[in-house]
N, C-alpha and C. Protein backbone atom coordinates (compact mmCIF):
# COMPACT_ATOMS: atom_id res chain seq x y z
N MET A 1 -59.91 -27.22 -34.59
CA MET A 1 -59.96 -26.60 -33.18
C MET A 1 -58.97 -26.66 -32.54
N ILE A 2 -58.30 -28.09 -32.45
CA ILE A 2 -57.08 -28.24 -31.77
C ILE A 2 -55.90 -27.41 -32.16
N TYR A 3 -55.89 -27.45 -33.54
CA TYR A 3 -54.77 -26.58 -34.19
C TYR A 3 -54.92 -25.29 -33.69
N THR A 4 -56.24 -24.82 -33.82
CA THR A 4 -56.46 -23.26 -33.38
C THR A 4 -55.82 -22.94 -32.04
N LYS A 5 -56.20 -23.73 -31.05
CA LYS A 5 -55.86 -23.69 -29.84
C LYS A 5 -54.48 -23.68 -29.53
N ARG A 6 -53.75 -24.45 -30.38
CA ARG A 6 -52.15 -24.51 -30.31
C ARG A 6 -51.52 -23.31 -30.91
N VAL A 7 -52.18 -22.81 -31.88
CA VAL A 7 -51.64 -21.39 -32.26
C VAL A 7 -51.90 -20.46 -31.30
N LEU A 8 -52.92 -20.27 -30.55
CA LEU A 8 -53.16 -19.11 -29.72
C LEU A 8 -52.40 -19.45 -28.59
N LEU A 9 -51.95 -20.66 -27.96
CA LEU A 9 -51.16 -20.94 -26.99
C LEU A 9 -49.62 -20.46 -27.33
N ILE A 10 -49.32 -20.70 -28.42
CA ILE A 10 -47.83 -20.12 -29.13
C ILE A 10 -47.70 -18.70 -29.12
N LEU A 11 -48.98 -18.21 -29.51
CA LEU A 11 -48.85 -16.66 -29.50
C LEU A 11 -48.90 -16.01 -28.26
N ALA A 12 -49.51 -16.71 -27.19
CA ALA A 12 -49.66 -16.05 -25.93
C ALA A 12 -48.11 -16.28 -25.24
N ILE A 13 -47.40 -17.48 -25.44
CA ILE A 13 -46.13 -17.77 -24.98
C ILE A 13 -45.27 -16.61 -25.45
N SER A 14 -45.31 -16.50 -26.72
CA SER A 14 -44.34 -15.47 -27.42
C SER A 14 -44.54 -13.76 -26.96
N ALA A 15 -46.09 -13.76 -26.83
CA ALA A 15 -46.20 -12.37 -26.20
C ALA A 15 -45.39 -12.02 -24.77
N VAL A 16 -45.69 -12.97 -23.71
CA VAL A 16 -45.22 -13.14 -22.52
C VAL A 16 -43.68 -12.98 -22.60
N THR A 17 -42.98 -13.78 -23.58
CA THR A 17 -41.46 -13.72 -23.60
C THR A 17 -41.06 -12.51 -24.13
N TRP A 18 -41.65 -11.85 -25.23
CA TRP A 18 -41.17 -10.49 -25.76
C TRP A 18 -41.47 -9.49 -24.71
N TRP A 19 -42.60 -9.40 -23.79
CA TRP A 19 -42.85 -8.49 -22.84
C TRP A 19 -41.63 -8.51 -21.64
N ALA A 20 -41.19 -9.83 -21.31
CA ALA A 20 -40.27 -9.93 -20.24
C ALA A 20 -38.82 -9.42 -20.89
N ALA A 21 -38.56 -9.78 -22.14
CA ALA A 21 -37.16 -9.34 -22.79
C ALA A 21 -37.23 -7.86 -22.88
N ALA A 22 -38.56 -7.21 -23.31
CA ALA A 22 -38.57 -5.71 -23.27
C ALA A 22 -38.41 -5.00 -21.98
N CYS A 23 -38.63 -5.57 -20.96
CA CYS A 23 -38.51 -5.12 -19.73
C CYS A 23 -37.06 -5.15 -19.13
N VAL A 24 -36.27 -6.38 -19.53
CA VAL A 24 -34.92 -6.37 -19.22
C VAL A 24 -34.19 -5.34 -20.16
N THR A 25 -34.72 -5.18 -21.22
CA THR A 25 -33.72 -4.26 -22.15
C THR A 25 -33.99 -2.74 -21.67
N ARG A 26 -35.21 -2.47 -21.29
CA ARG A 26 -35.46 -1.12 -20.72
C ARG A 26 -34.52 -0.92 -19.36
N SER A 27 -34.70 -1.92 -18.56
CA SER A 27 -33.87 -1.73 -17.32
C SER A 27 -32.29 -1.47 -17.70
N GLU A 28 -31.84 -2.43 -18.61
CA GLU A 28 -30.34 -2.32 -18.83
C GLU A 28 -30.15 -0.91 -19.46
N GLY A 29 -31.40 -0.50 -20.57
CA GLY A 29 -30.83 0.61 -21.09
C GLY A 29 -30.90 1.98 -20.14
N GLY A 30 -31.52 1.90 -19.07
CA GLY A 30 -31.60 2.97 -18.36
C GLY A 30 -30.45 3.07 -17.56
N ARG A 31 -29.52 2.27 -17.48
CA ARG A 31 -28.20 2.30 -16.95
C ARG A 31 -27.32 3.10 -17.48
N SER A 32 -26.39 3.83 -16.82
CA SER A 32 -25.44 4.60 -17.84
C SER A 32 -24.12 4.24 -17.06
N SER A 33 -23.04 4.21 -17.68
CA SER A 33 -21.76 3.95 -16.91
C SER A 33 -21.26 5.15 -16.20
N ALA A 34 -22.01 6.44 -16.39
CA ALA A 34 -21.65 7.40 -15.53
C ALA A 34 -22.48 7.49 -14.22
N ALA A 35 -23.41 6.56 -14.30
CA ALA A 35 -24.42 6.58 -13.09
C ALA A 35 -23.79 6.65 -11.66
N PRO A 36 -22.63 5.70 -11.55
CA PRO A 36 -21.93 5.76 -10.13
C PRO A 36 -21.24 7.11 -9.80
N ILE A 37 -20.97 7.82 -10.91
CA ILE A 37 -20.39 9.08 -10.54
C ILE A 37 -21.29 10.23 -10.28
N ARG A 38 -22.32 10.15 -11.18
CA ARG A 38 -23.55 11.02 -10.88
C ARG A 38 -24.13 10.92 -9.64
N GLN A 39 -24.34 9.71 -8.87
CA GLN A 39 -24.72 9.38 -7.80
C GLN A 39 -24.06 10.07 -6.74
N ALA A 40 -22.73 10.40 -6.91
CA ALA A 40 -21.93 11.08 -5.96
C ALA A 40 -22.21 12.55 -5.78
N GLN A 41 -23.01 12.97 -6.79
CA GLN A 41 -23.64 14.65 -6.46
C GLN A 41 -25.04 14.36 -5.63
N THR A 42 -24.55 13.70 -4.55
CA THR A 42 -25.92 13.71 -3.53
C THR A 42 -25.30 14.57 -2.27
N PRO A 43 -26.34 14.98 -1.39
CA PRO A 43 -25.81 15.53 -0.07
C PRO A 43 -24.77 14.66 0.61
N SER A 44 -24.56 13.58 0.51
CA SER A 44 -23.48 12.94 1.18
C SER A 44 -22.14 13.29 0.49
N LEU A 45 -21.90 13.57 -0.79
CA LEU A 45 -20.68 14.15 -1.11
C LEU A 45 -20.42 15.63 -0.63
N TRP A 46 -21.36 16.33 -0.72
CA TRP A 46 -21.37 17.77 -0.30
C TRP A 46 -21.06 17.71 1.27
N THR A 47 -21.41 16.68 2.06
CA THR A 47 -21.17 16.78 3.52
C THR A 47 -19.51 16.21 3.48
N ARG A 48 -19.40 15.22 2.86
CA ARG A 48 -17.94 14.86 2.76
C ARG A 48 -17.01 16.17 2.63
N LEU A 49 -17.34 16.81 1.61
CA LEU A 49 -16.48 18.17 1.29
C LEU A 49 -16.46 19.14 2.49
N GLN A 50 -17.52 19.07 3.16
CA GLN A 50 -17.81 20.11 4.26
C GLN A 50 -16.94 19.57 5.56
N THR A 51 -16.73 18.29 5.61
CA THR A 51 -16.22 18.10 6.91
C THR A 51 -14.91 17.20 6.91
N GLY A 52 -14.71 16.77 5.57
CA GLY A 52 -13.29 16.13 5.35
C GLY A 52 -12.18 16.87 5.12
N LYS A 53 -10.92 15.97 4.81
CA LYS A 53 -9.87 16.78 4.48
C LYS A 53 -9.17 15.91 3.43
N GLY A 54 -8.34 16.50 2.62
CA GLY A 54 -7.57 15.74 1.53
C GLY A 54 -8.15 15.70 0.24
N TYR A 55 -9.41 16.46 0.22
CA TYR A 55 -10.09 16.25 -1.12
C TYR A 55 -9.61 17.26 -2.00
N VAL A 56 -9.37 16.95 -3.20
CA VAL A 56 -8.88 17.79 -4.57
C VAL A 56 -9.88 17.78 -5.49
N ILE A 57 -10.35 18.93 -5.65
CA ILE A 57 -11.34 19.09 -7.12
C ILE A 57 -10.77 19.52 -8.30
N MET A 58 -10.98 18.74 -9.13
CA MET A 58 -10.21 19.06 -10.45
C MET A 58 -11.28 19.58 -11.27
N MET A 59 -11.37 21.02 -11.56
CA MET A 59 -12.55 21.40 -12.16
C MET A 59 -12.27 21.91 -13.72
N ARG A 60 -12.89 21.52 -14.61
CA ARG A 60 -12.72 22.17 -16.08
C ARG A 60 -13.29 23.50 -16.05
N HIS A 61 -12.56 24.29 -16.74
CA HIS A 61 -12.72 25.89 -17.05
C HIS A 61 -14.37 25.98 -17.47
N ALA A 62 -14.89 27.02 -17.09
CA ALA A 62 -16.26 27.36 -17.47
C ALA A 62 -16.23 27.55 -18.93
N LEU A 63 -17.59 27.63 -19.48
CA LEU A 63 -17.88 27.75 -20.68
C LEU A 63 -17.09 28.77 -21.72
N ALA A 64 -16.50 27.95 -22.65
CA ALA A 64 -15.41 28.98 -23.38
C ALA A 64 -15.63 28.27 -24.82
N PRO A 65 -16.75 28.66 -25.74
CA PRO A 65 -17.25 28.07 -26.84
C PRO A 65 -15.81 27.98 -28.01
N GLY A 66 -15.97 26.62 -28.58
CA GLY A 66 -14.66 26.30 -29.39
C GLY A 66 -13.79 25.07 -28.91
N THR A 67 -12.89 24.92 -29.53
CA THR A 67 -11.83 23.88 -29.25
C THR A 67 -10.60 24.28 -29.41
N GLY A 68 -9.58 23.99 -28.42
CA GLY A 68 -8.35 24.44 -28.67
C GLY A 68 -8.15 25.77 -28.42
N ASP A 69 -7.02 26.38 -29.26
CA ASP A 69 -6.73 27.95 -29.19
C ASP A 69 -6.54 28.23 -30.82
N PRO A 70 -6.80 29.48 -30.99
CA PRO A 70 -6.36 30.00 -32.28
C PRO A 70 -5.07 29.87 -32.67
N SER A 71 -4.86 29.83 -34.10
CA SER A 71 -3.42 29.93 -34.74
C SER A 71 -2.76 31.16 -34.08
N GLY A 72 -1.58 31.05 -33.78
CA GLY A 72 -1.02 32.30 -33.22
C GLY A 72 -1.07 32.36 -31.52
N PHE A 73 -1.67 31.51 -30.94
CA PHE A 73 -1.96 31.60 -29.58
C PHE A 73 -0.90 32.03 -28.88
N ARG A 74 -0.97 32.93 -27.82
CA ARG A 74 0.27 33.33 -26.86
C ARG A 74 -0.35 33.21 -25.48
N LEU A 75 0.44 32.49 -24.66
CA LEU A 75 0.03 32.45 -23.37
C LEU A 75 0.03 33.56 -22.56
N ASN A 76 0.58 34.70 -22.80
CA ASN A 76 0.64 35.97 -22.10
C ASN A 76 -0.14 36.85 -22.76
N ASP A 77 -1.11 36.55 -23.58
CA ASP A 77 -1.74 37.56 -24.48
C ASP A 77 -3.22 36.84 -24.54
N CYS A 78 -4.26 37.25 -23.70
CA CYS A 78 -5.55 36.65 -23.59
C CYS A 78 -6.27 36.90 -25.04
N SER A 79 -5.93 37.98 -25.73
CA SER A 79 -6.72 38.43 -27.12
C SER A 79 -6.46 37.22 -27.92
N THR A 80 -5.42 36.53 -27.69
CA THR A 80 -4.87 35.26 -28.66
C THR A 80 -5.64 34.10 -28.30
N GLN A 81 -6.30 33.97 -27.37
CA GLN A 81 -6.78 32.93 -26.76
C GLN A 81 -8.45 32.58 -26.86
N ARG A 82 -8.66 31.47 -26.97
CA ARG A 82 -10.11 31.10 -26.67
C ARG A 82 -10.44 31.49 -25.09
N ASN A 83 -11.56 32.30 -25.03
CA ASN A 83 -11.91 32.90 -23.76
C ASN A 83 -13.33 32.41 -23.27
N LEU A 84 -13.79 32.66 -22.09
CA LEU A 84 -14.94 32.50 -21.56
C LEU A 84 -16.13 33.35 -22.08
N SER A 85 -17.20 32.95 -22.67
CA SER A 85 -18.24 33.56 -22.96
C SER A 85 -18.95 34.26 -21.85
N THR A 86 -19.89 35.23 -22.14
CA THR A 86 -20.71 35.64 -20.98
C THR A 86 -21.52 34.78 -20.09
N ALA A 87 -21.83 33.79 -20.91
CA ALA A 87 -22.60 32.49 -20.24
C ALA A 87 -21.40 31.94 -19.19
N GLY A 88 -20.16 31.82 -19.71
CA GLY A 88 -19.34 30.99 -19.02
C GLY A 88 -18.86 31.81 -17.73
N ARG A 89 -18.88 33.15 -17.78
CA ARG A 89 -18.40 33.83 -16.70
C ARG A 89 -19.59 33.80 -15.52
N GLN A 90 -20.77 33.81 -16.13
CA GLN A 90 -22.14 33.45 -15.22
C GLN A 90 -22.03 32.33 -14.46
N GLN A 91 -21.41 31.25 -15.33
CA GLN A 91 -21.32 29.84 -14.95
C GLN A 91 -20.32 29.73 -13.91
N ALA A 92 -19.25 30.39 -13.98
CA ALA A 92 -18.19 30.58 -12.88
C ALA A 92 -18.43 31.15 -11.66
N VAL A 93 -19.30 32.29 -11.65
CA VAL A 93 -19.95 33.02 -10.63
C VAL A 93 -20.70 32.06 -9.91
N GLN A 94 -21.40 31.33 -10.31
CA GLN A 94 -22.66 30.43 -9.78
C GLN A 94 -21.91 29.36 -9.13
N ILE A 95 -20.86 28.67 -9.74
CA ILE A 95 -20.20 27.69 -9.21
C ILE A 95 -19.72 28.11 -7.74
N GLY A 96 -18.88 29.31 -7.69
CA GLY A 96 -18.37 29.81 -6.66
C GLY A 96 -19.67 29.99 -5.70
N LYS A 97 -20.62 30.53 -5.90
CA LYS A 97 -21.73 30.70 -4.95
C LYS A 97 -22.19 29.57 -4.42
N THR A 98 -22.25 28.32 -5.19
CA THR A 98 -22.68 27.13 -4.77
C THR A 98 -21.63 26.72 -3.62
N PHE A 99 -20.67 26.68 -3.83
CA PHE A 99 -19.43 26.33 -2.80
C PHE A 99 -19.81 27.26 -1.48
N ARG A 100 -19.90 28.70 -1.50
CA ARG A 100 -20.04 29.37 -0.40
C ARG A 100 -21.53 28.92 0.27
N ASP A 101 -22.43 28.88 -0.59
CA ASP A 101 -23.82 28.43 0.23
C ASP A 101 -23.76 27.17 0.77
N ARG A 102 -22.83 26.23 0.27
CA ARG A 102 -22.90 24.85 0.74
C ARG A 102 -21.54 24.69 2.11
N GLN A 103 -21.03 26.15 2.24
CA GLN A 103 -20.29 26.08 3.07
C GLN A 103 -19.05 25.18 3.11
N ILE A 104 -18.27 25.12 1.70
CA ILE A 104 -17.45 24.18 1.58
C ILE A 104 -16.08 24.99 1.90
N PRO A 105 -15.26 24.56 2.78
CA PRO A 105 -14.03 25.17 3.32
C PRO A 105 -13.05 24.99 2.18
N VAL A 106 -12.35 26.04 1.74
CA VAL A 106 -11.45 25.87 0.57
C VAL A 106 -10.10 26.21 1.09
N ALA A 107 -9.08 25.16 0.90
CA ALA A 107 -7.78 25.40 1.21
C ALA A 107 -6.98 26.24 0.21
N SER A 108 -7.32 25.94 -0.99
CA SER A 108 -6.45 26.90 -1.87
C SER A 108 -7.21 26.89 -3.26
N VAL A 109 -7.12 27.53 -4.06
CA VAL A 109 -7.45 27.55 -5.77
C VAL A 109 -6.06 27.79 -6.48
N ARG A 110 -5.85 26.60 -7.29
CA ARG A 110 -4.77 26.68 -8.26
C ARG A 110 -5.19 26.56 -9.72
N SER A 111 -4.71 27.27 -10.53
CA SER A 111 -4.96 27.32 -12.18
C SER A 111 -4.06 27.10 -13.08
N SER A 112 -4.42 26.58 -14.14
CA SER A 112 -3.77 26.71 -15.48
C SER A 112 -3.56 28.06 -15.70
N GLN A 113 -2.45 28.36 -16.49
CA GLN A 113 -1.93 29.73 -17.03
C GLN A 113 -3.00 30.10 -18.00
N TRP A 114 -3.66 29.38 -18.65
CA TRP A 114 -4.52 29.73 -19.76
C TRP A 114 -5.48 30.98 -19.19
N CYS A 115 -5.86 31.85 -19.81
CA CYS A 115 -6.73 32.88 -19.61
C CYS A 115 -8.25 32.40 -19.11
N ARG A 116 -8.73 31.54 -19.73
CA ARG A 116 -10.23 30.98 -19.60
C ARG A 116 -10.09 30.14 -18.13
N CYS A 117 -9.02 29.55 -17.83
CA CYS A 117 -8.90 28.87 -16.48
C CYS A 117 -8.68 30.12 -15.36
N LEU A 118 -7.72 30.84 -15.58
CA LEU A 118 -7.38 32.00 -14.64
C LEU A 118 -8.86 32.69 -14.24
N GLU A 119 -9.46 33.03 -15.33
CA GLU A 119 -10.66 33.76 -15.06
C GLU A 119 -11.80 32.99 -14.39
N THR A 120 -11.96 31.74 -14.92
CA THR A 120 -12.83 30.97 -13.98
C THR A 120 -12.47 30.95 -12.52
N ALA A 121 -11.12 30.58 -12.27
CA ALA A 121 -10.69 30.53 -10.89
C ALA A 121 -10.94 31.94 -10.27
N LYS A 122 -10.71 33.17 -10.75
CA LYS A 122 -11.01 34.18 -10.02
C LYS A 122 -12.45 34.55 -9.88
N LEU A 123 -13.28 34.18 -10.62
CA LEU A 123 -14.60 34.52 -10.80
C LEU A 123 -15.43 33.46 -9.56
N LEU A 124 -14.64 32.36 -9.28
CA LEU A 124 -15.28 31.71 -8.16
C LEU A 124 -15.12 32.47 -6.87
N ASN A 125 -14.35 33.25 -6.84
CA ASN A 125 -14.11 34.23 -5.65
C ASN A 125 -14.09 33.41 -4.35
N LEU A 126 -13.33 32.36 -4.23
CA LEU A 126 -13.33 31.78 -3.12
C LEU A 126 -11.90 31.80 -2.28
N LYS A 127 -10.88 32.17 -2.87
CA LYS A 127 -9.48 32.38 -2.60
C LYS A 127 -8.59 33.03 -3.49
N PRO A 128 -7.61 33.49 -3.17
CA PRO A 128 -6.45 33.99 -4.14
C PRO A 128 -5.89 32.96 -5.00
N VAL A 129 -6.01 33.23 -6.46
CA VAL A 129 -5.66 32.33 -7.35
C VAL A 129 -4.16 32.12 -7.56
N GLU A 130 -3.57 30.84 -7.51
CA GLU A 130 -2.15 30.72 -7.89
C GLU A 130 -2.18 29.98 -9.08
N ALA A 131 -1.28 30.52 -10.28
CA ALA A 131 -1.24 29.85 -11.42
C ALA A 131 -0.19 28.62 -11.16
N LEU A 132 -0.53 27.44 -11.65
CA LEU A 132 0.32 26.39 -11.78
C LEU A 132 0.49 25.66 -13.25
N PRO A 133 1.95 25.94 -13.64
CA PRO A 133 2.02 25.28 -15.05
C PRO A 133 1.51 23.93 -15.27
N SER A 134 1.68 22.98 -14.23
CA SER A 134 1.42 21.53 -14.48
C SER A 134 -0.16 21.39 -14.75
N LEU A 135 -0.81 22.36 -14.57
CA LEU A 135 -2.36 22.22 -14.98
C LEU A 135 -2.55 23.01 -16.39
N ASN A 136 -1.48 23.29 -17.10
CA ASN A 136 -1.71 23.83 -18.49
C ASN A 136 -1.92 22.86 -19.62
N SER A 137 -2.94 23.34 -20.40
CA SER A 137 -3.44 22.39 -21.51
C SER A 137 -2.13 21.81 -22.26
N PHE A 138 -2.29 20.42 -22.48
CA PHE A 138 -1.36 19.72 -23.52
C PHE A 138 -2.11 19.39 -24.79
N PHE A 139 -3.31 19.94 -24.70
CA PHE A 139 -4.10 19.67 -26.02
C PHE A 139 -3.36 19.71 -27.65
N ASN A 140 -2.38 20.70 -27.68
CA ASN A 140 -1.76 20.91 -28.86
C ASN A 140 -0.38 20.23 -28.85
N ASP A 141 0.03 19.88 -27.65
CA ASP A 141 1.47 19.20 -27.48
C ASP A 141 1.42 18.38 -26.22
N ALA A 142 1.31 16.84 -26.79
CA ALA A 142 1.09 15.93 -25.74
C ALA A 142 2.45 15.37 -25.20
N SER A 143 3.63 16.10 -25.65
CA SER A 143 4.96 15.67 -25.20
C SER A 143 4.90 16.00 -23.62
N THR A 144 4.32 16.78 -22.99
CA THR A 144 4.26 17.13 -21.66
C THR A 144 3.38 16.50 -20.80
N LYS A 145 2.48 15.72 -21.54
CA LYS A 145 1.39 15.01 -20.87
C LYS A 145 1.78 14.17 -19.62
N ALA A 146 2.64 13.16 -19.73
CA ALA A 146 3.20 12.35 -18.76
C ALA A 146 3.54 13.21 -17.55
N ARG A 147 4.61 14.21 -17.92
CA ARG A 147 5.32 15.00 -16.85
C ARG A 147 4.20 15.63 -15.90
N GLN A 148 3.28 16.43 -16.58
CA GLN A 148 2.39 17.24 -15.93
C GLN A 148 1.41 16.48 -15.22
N THR A 149 1.00 15.28 -15.72
CA THR A 149 -0.09 14.45 -15.01
C THR A 149 0.66 13.78 -13.67
N ASP A 150 1.78 13.50 -13.88
CA ASP A 150 2.48 12.92 -12.48
C ASP A 150 2.53 14.12 -11.49
N ALA A 151 2.97 15.42 -12.07
CA ALA A 151 3.17 16.50 -11.02
C ALA A 151 1.77 16.72 -10.31
N VAL A 152 0.51 16.62 -11.01
CA VAL A 152 -0.75 16.75 -10.39
C VAL A 152 -0.90 15.51 -9.55
N ARG A 153 -0.57 14.44 -9.82
CA ARG A 153 -0.81 13.19 -9.12
C ARG A 153 -0.17 13.30 -7.83
N ARG A 154 1.22 13.75 -7.79
CA ARG A 154 1.76 14.07 -6.51
C ARG A 154 1.26 15.16 -5.80
N LEU A 155 0.86 16.01 -6.46
CA LEU A 155 0.04 17.19 -5.53
C LEU A 155 -1.11 16.67 -4.95
N ILE A 156 -1.98 15.70 -5.58
CA ILE A 156 -3.05 15.20 -4.77
C ILE A 156 -2.56 14.25 -3.67
N VAL A 157 -1.53 13.48 -3.82
CA VAL A 157 -1.18 12.63 -2.82
C VAL A 157 -0.77 13.60 -1.68
N SER A 158 0.09 14.58 -1.94
CA SER A 158 0.66 15.53 -0.79
C SER A 158 -0.29 16.26 -0.14
N SER A 159 -1.58 16.19 -0.79
CA SER A 159 -2.88 17.19 -0.10
C SER A 159 -3.69 16.09 0.69
N TYR A 160 -3.14 14.76 1.10
CA TYR A 160 -3.92 14.04 1.92
C TYR A 160 -4.42 14.34 3.19
N ASN A 161 -3.62 15.18 3.98
CA ASN A 161 -3.88 15.75 5.27
C ASN A 161 -4.37 17.13 5.27
N VAL A 162 -4.42 17.86 4.11
CA VAL A 162 -4.97 19.13 3.88
C VAL A 162 -6.41 19.56 4.49
N GLN A 163 -6.50 20.43 5.35
CA GLN A 163 -8.01 20.61 5.78
C GLN A 163 -8.56 21.44 4.87
N GLY A 164 -9.65 21.05 4.42
CA GLY A 164 -10.34 21.95 3.30
C GLY A 164 -9.91 21.41 1.91
N VAL A 165 -10.84 21.90 0.97
CA VAL A 165 -10.63 21.29 -0.30
C VAL A 165 -9.51 22.09 -1.25
N THR A 166 -8.94 21.52 -2.09
CA THR A 166 -7.87 21.89 -2.95
C THR A 166 -8.63 22.21 -4.33
N ILE A 167 -8.64 23.22 -4.82
CA ILE A 167 -9.39 23.41 -6.19
C ILE A 167 -8.45 23.55 -7.32
N LEU A 168 -8.49 22.87 -8.27
CA LEU A 168 -7.61 22.85 -9.35
C LEU A 168 -8.44 23.16 -10.74
N VAL A 169 -8.18 24.41 -11.31
CA VAL A 169 -8.94 24.80 -12.51
C VAL A 169 -8.03 24.46 -13.74
N THR A 170 -8.62 23.56 -14.52
CA THR A 170 -7.70 23.05 -15.58
C THR A 170 -8.71 22.79 -16.77
N HIS A 171 -8.07 22.07 -17.77
CA HIS A 171 -8.71 21.38 -18.93
C HIS A 171 -9.20 20.01 -19.06
N GLN A 172 -10.21 19.91 -19.90
CA GLN A 172 -10.71 18.55 -20.24
C GLN A 172 -9.55 17.63 -20.37
N VAL A 173 -8.57 17.68 -21.26
CA VAL A 173 -7.50 16.87 -21.33
C VAL A 173 -6.76 16.40 -20.24
N ASN A 174 -6.60 17.42 -19.40
CA ASN A 174 -5.69 17.13 -18.19
C ASN A 174 -6.41 16.32 -17.23
N ILE A 175 -7.73 16.58 -17.07
CA ILE A 175 -8.60 15.79 -16.01
C ILE A 175 -8.88 14.40 -16.72
N THR A 176 -8.94 14.22 -18.08
CA THR A 176 -9.19 12.87 -18.60
C THR A 176 -8.09 12.20 -18.50
N ALA A 177 -6.95 12.61 -18.83
CA ALA A 177 -5.51 11.90 -18.60
C ALA A 177 -5.38 11.15 -17.23
N LEU A 178 -5.87 11.96 -16.26
CA LEU A 178 -5.78 11.26 -14.96
C LEU A 178 -6.90 10.45 -14.43
N THR A 179 -8.07 10.61 -15.02
CA THR A 179 -9.30 9.74 -14.54
C THR A 179 -10.20 9.21 -15.55
N ASP A 180 -9.70 9.48 -16.68
CA ASP A 180 -10.53 8.82 -17.92
C ASP A 180 -12.01 9.61 -17.83
N ILE A 181 -12.30 10.47 -17.03
CA ILE A 181 -13.45 11.15 -17.27
C ILE A 181 -13.42 12.18 -18.12
N VAL A 182 -14.36 12.49 -19.04
CA VAL A 182 -14.51 13.78 -19.90
C VAL A 182 -15.71 14.81 -19.22
N PRO A 183 -15.23 15.72 -18.40
CA PRO A 183 -16.21 16.62 -17.98
C PRO A 183 -16.49 17.64 -18.85
N ALA A 184 -17.87 18.01 -18.84
CA ALA A 184 -18.43 19.25 -19.58
C ALA A 184 -17.77 20.43 -18.95
N SER A 185 -17.91 21.57 -19.70
CA SER A 185 -17.37 22.85 -19.17
C SER A 185 -17.92 23.03 -17.82
N GLY A 186 -17.17 23.70 -16.77
CA GLY A 186 -17.79 23.76 -15.41
C GLY A 186 -17.79 22.73 -14.51
N GLU A 187 -17.83 21.49 -15.13
CA GLU A 187 -17.84 20.16 -14.21
C GLU A 187 -16.62 19.98 -13.56
N SER A 188 -16.64 19.22 -12.55
CA SER A 188 -15.42 18.98 -11.56
C SER A 188 -15.56 17.37 -11.26
N VAL A 189 -14.55 16.97 -11.17
CA VAL A 189 -14.21 15.58 -10.58
C VAL A 189 -13.48 15.63 -9.15
N VAL A 190 -14.13 15.05 -8.12
CA VAL A 190 -13.71 15.05 -6.93
C VAL A 190 -12.66 13.91 -6.69
N LEU A 191 -11.42 14.21 -6.12
CA LEU A 191 -10.34 13.29 -5.99
C LEU A 191 -9.85 13.12 -4.58
N ARG A 192 -9.48 12.01 -4.21
CA ARG A 192 -8.71 11.91 -2.99
C ARG A 192 -7.59 10.76 -2.86
N ALA A 193 -6.54 11.16 -2.34
CA ALA A 193 -5.36 10.00 -2.18
C ALA A 193 -5.56 9.02 -1.26
N LYS A 194 -5.42 7.81 -1.68
CA LYS A 194 -5.74 6.69 -0.80
C LYS A 194 -4.21 5.79 -0.89
N GLY A 195 -3.56 6.11 0.15
CA GLY A 195 -1.91 5.63 -0.21
C GLY A 195 -1.41 6.41 -1.33
N GLN A 196 -0.67 5.78 -2.29
CA GLN A 196 -0.32 6.17 -3.36
C GLN A 196 -1.26 6.18 -4.67
N THR A 197 -2.56 5.73 -4.36
CA THR A 197 -3.40 5.54 -5.34
C THR A 197 -4.34 6.83 -5.16
N ILE A 198 -4.89 7.39 -6.37
CA ILE A 198 -5.96 8.30 -6.62
C ILE A 198 -7.18 7.77 -6.82
N GLU A 199 -8.04 8.08 -5.87
CA GLU A 199 -9.40 7.59 -5.78
C GLU A 199 -10.35 8.58 -6.31
N VAL A 200 -11.34 8.11 -7.35
CA VAL A 200 -12.43 9.25 -7.72
C VAL A 200 -13.51 8.86 -6.83
N VAL A 201 -13.85 10.05 -6.03
CA VAL A 201 -14.63 10.18 -4.99
C VAL A 201 -16.17 10.46 -5.79
N GLY A 202 -16.01 11.14 -6.56
CA GLY A 202 -17.51 11.81 -7.49
C GLY A 202 -17.13 12.82 -8.21
N GLN A 203 -18.42 13.13 -9.01
CA GLN A 203 -18.53 14.30 -9.97
C GLN A 203 -19.40 15.23 -9.50
N LEU A 204 -18.95 16.56 -9.68
CA LEU A 204 -19.87 17.52 -9.58
C LEU A 204 -20.38 18.24 -10.97
N GLN A 205 -21.72 18.02 -11.05
CA GLN A 205 -22.06 19.05 -12.39
C GLN A 205 -22.14 20.28 -12.05
N THR A 206 -22.37 21.14 -13.21
CA THR A 206 -22.66 22.52 -12.99
C THR A 206 -23.95 22.88 -12.47
N PRO A 207 -23.80 23.70 -11.75
CA PRO A 207 -25.30 24.17 -10.85
C PRO A 207 -26.37 24.32 -11.82
């Protein structure tokens, strides 16, 4: 009888211990390294973009299925490149609408010379688009990565007192090189200079 009671007590303690551990595991498992960035897509971030200055938005071009560019790619010939799909064009239009609906003041829109970026930037319909070579992809040639990333960094620092947001439409590799963030198609990383340091303010997912 005493032995049975001890067994039951041990089983009860084990069950409580397992339940507590499971709760901790579920809690930790529910956290994501991306959570602090995703929290930035709250009304407070949009409010900062509406009223602040010096914000730079690095946006990955809208949906263009595939990876890299076809063999024989030529910068001045869109037919040789990987381009936006119909869904990607709709995505770009909707992103621009979201900025207008939220009354985000836009100072300028600059883009990689790749067709999928230029088309994304134009479909935003926010400002005339300026092509900027430092935003070009270095996916197939990393030899220019450091030089281009430094040029973008200097642009962000020089935008510190610009009223309204500066939008840079570029590629995943360019954004990752500067921020260590890997955005999906159409997603944006919001940046701002803090002295000579670039601060990641938050991330905007596609609408």
